[in-house]
Amino acid sequence: MLVANVVGTVWSTKKDASLTGVRLLVVQPILADGATSAETMVAADTIGAGIGERVLVVFGRAARHAIGKGHDIGFQTAVVGIVDRMELQDGRTVGTVAELDEPPTR
């Protein structure tokens, strides 16, 4: 599982039939120091997240379970939560969106 920023939405007129009705988002992982990774990935959106929000992303069996189609889906990455707030070891607070982040208190 990782925490990521939603940076985009994917539209696809042709896709595997198992993905019918599945909304796809482009997410960018957040690193431990609060920076974003250069890597992006596509995740199925099971909860209605939006661009700019911080989300929890799962992979493999957990993702297929969250999407709700079992092993009969050709996708293994899913958004399963929207972050309300995270408190990090160095005292930083991370909010739902970057504008709500707070600097370290120590």
Protein backbone atom coordinates (compact mmCIF):
# COMPACT_ATOMS: atom_id res chain seq x y z
CA MET A 1 0.00 0.00 0.00
CA LEU A 2 1.18 3.51 -0.66
CA VAL A 3 0.02 7.11 -0.39
CA ALA A 4 -0.25 9.07 -3.63
CA ASN A 5 -1.53 12.31 -5.13
CA VAL A 6 -4.22 12.07 -7.79
CA VAL A 7 -2.79 13.95 -10.78
CA GLY A 8 -5.16 13.01 -13.59
CA THR A 9 -8.00 10.95 -15.02
CA VAL A 10 -7.81 8.36 -17.81
CA TRP A 11 -10.54 8.09 -20.43
CA SER A 12 -10.56 5.03 -22.66
CA THR A 13 -13.15 4.27 -25.33
CA LYS A 14 -11.73 0.79 -25.89
CA LYS A 15 -10.62 -1.38 -23.00
CA ASP A 16 -10.88 -4.91 -21.70
CA ALA A 17 -14.49 -5.86 -20.98
CA SER A 18 -13.63 -6.52 -17.31
CA LEU A 19 -12.90 -2.80 -16.92
CA THR A 20 -16.35 -1.67 -18.07
CA GLY A 21 -17.67 0.88 -15.57
CA VAL A 22 -14.32 1.21 -13.78
CA ARG A 23 -13.03 4.79 -13.43
CA LEU A 24 -9.27 5.13 -13.85
CA LEU A 25 -7.02 7.73 -12.20
CA VAL A 26 -3.39 8.72 -12.70
CA VAL A 27 -1.65 8.77 -9.31
CA GLN A 28 1.83 9.85 -8.25
CA PRO A 29 3.31 8.23 -5.10
CA ILE A 30 4.41 10.40 -2.18
CA LEU A 31 7.88 9.65 -0.79
CA ALA A 32 8.76 9.50 2.93
CA ASP A 33 10.25 13.01 2.84
CA GLY A 34 6.97 14.41 1.48
CA ALA A 35 8.20 14.86 -2.08
CA THR A 36 6.39 13.18 -4.96
CA SER A 37 7.94 10.37 -6.95
CA ALA A 38 8.80 10.95 -10.61
CA GLU A 39 6.87 7.74 -11.33
CA THR A 40 3.15 7.77 -12.06
CA MET A 41 0.72 4.86 -12.30
CA VAL A 42 -2.91 4.23 -13.19
CA ALA A 43 -5.28 2.98 -10.48
CA ALA A 44 -8.92 1.97 -10.54
CA ASP A 45 -10.96 4.43 -8.47
CA THR A 46 -13.37 2.60 -6.17
CA ILE A 47 -14.36 5.58 -4.02
CA GLY A 48 -14.71 8.72 -6.15
CA ALA A 49 -11.40 10.48 -5.51
CA GLY A 50 -10.59 13.68 -7.36
CA ILE A 51 -7.57 15.43 -8.83
CA GLY A 52 -5.37 16.96 -6.13
CA GLU A 53 -6.50 14.61 -3.35
CA ARG A 54 -4.18 12.33 -1.41
CA VAL A 55 -5.22 8.69 -1.61
CA LEU A 56 -4.32 5.19 -0.40
CA VAL A 57 -3.42 2.79 -3.22
CA VAL A 58 -3.31 -1.02 -3.00
CA PHE A 59 -2.02 -3.65 -5.39
CA GLY A 60 -2.65 -7.24 -6.48
CA ARG A 61 -5.30 -9.30 -4.73
CA ALA A 62 -6.27 -6.42 -2.43
CA ALA A 63 -6.89 -4.20 -5.46
CA ARG A 64 -8.93 -6.82 -7.30
CA HIS A 65 -11.01 -7.34 -4.15
CA ALA A 66 -11.59 -3.58 -3.79
CA ILE A 67 -12.65 -3.26 -7.44
CA GLY A 68 -15.17 -6.01 -6.73
CA LYS A 69 -14.68 -8.28 -9.68
CA GLY A 70 -12.43 -10.91 -8.09
CA HIS A 71 -9.81 -12.59 -10.24
CA ASP A 72 -11.83 -11.87 -13.38
CA ILE A 73 -10.42 -8.38 -13.85
CA GLY A 74 -7.38 -7.33 -15.83
CA PHE A 75 -6.23 -4.72 -13.31
CA GLN A 76 -4.18 -4.86 -10.12
CA THR A 77 -4.01 -1.32 -8.72
CA ALA A 78 -6.86 0.45 -6.88
CA VAL A 79 -7.57 3.57 -4.84
CA VAL A 80 -9.20 2.46 -1.58
CA GLY A 81 -9.18 5.58 0.60
CA ILE A 82 -8.89 9.35 0.65
CA VAL A 83 -6.43 10.67 3.25
CA ASP A 84 -7.96 13.13 5.70
CA ARG A 85 -4.77 13.70 7.64
CA MET A 86 -1.41 12.03 8.29
CA GLU A 87 0.99 12.88 11.09
CA LEU A 88 4.58 12.00 10.23
CA GLN A 89 7.50 11.14 12.50
CA ASP A 90 9.25 14.49 11.93
CA GLY A 91 6.16 16.40 13.09
CA ARG A 92 4.84 17.28 9.64
CA THR A 93 1.12 16.98 9.00
CA VAL A 94 -0.11 15.99 5.56
CA GLY A 95 -3.67 16.89 4.61
CA THR A 96 -6.18 15.79 2.00
CA VAL A 97 -4.59 18.22 -0.48
CA ALA A 98 -1.16 19.92 -0.49
CA GLU A 99 -2.63 23.27 0.63
CA LEU A 100 -3.57 21.66 3.99
CA ASP A 101 -0.03 20.42 4.77
CA GLU A 102 1.63 21.82 7.91
CA PRO A 103 5.38 22.11 8.55
CA PRO A 104 7.17 20.18 11.33
CA THR A 105 6.33 21.26 14.87
CA ARG A 106 9.70 20.20 16.28
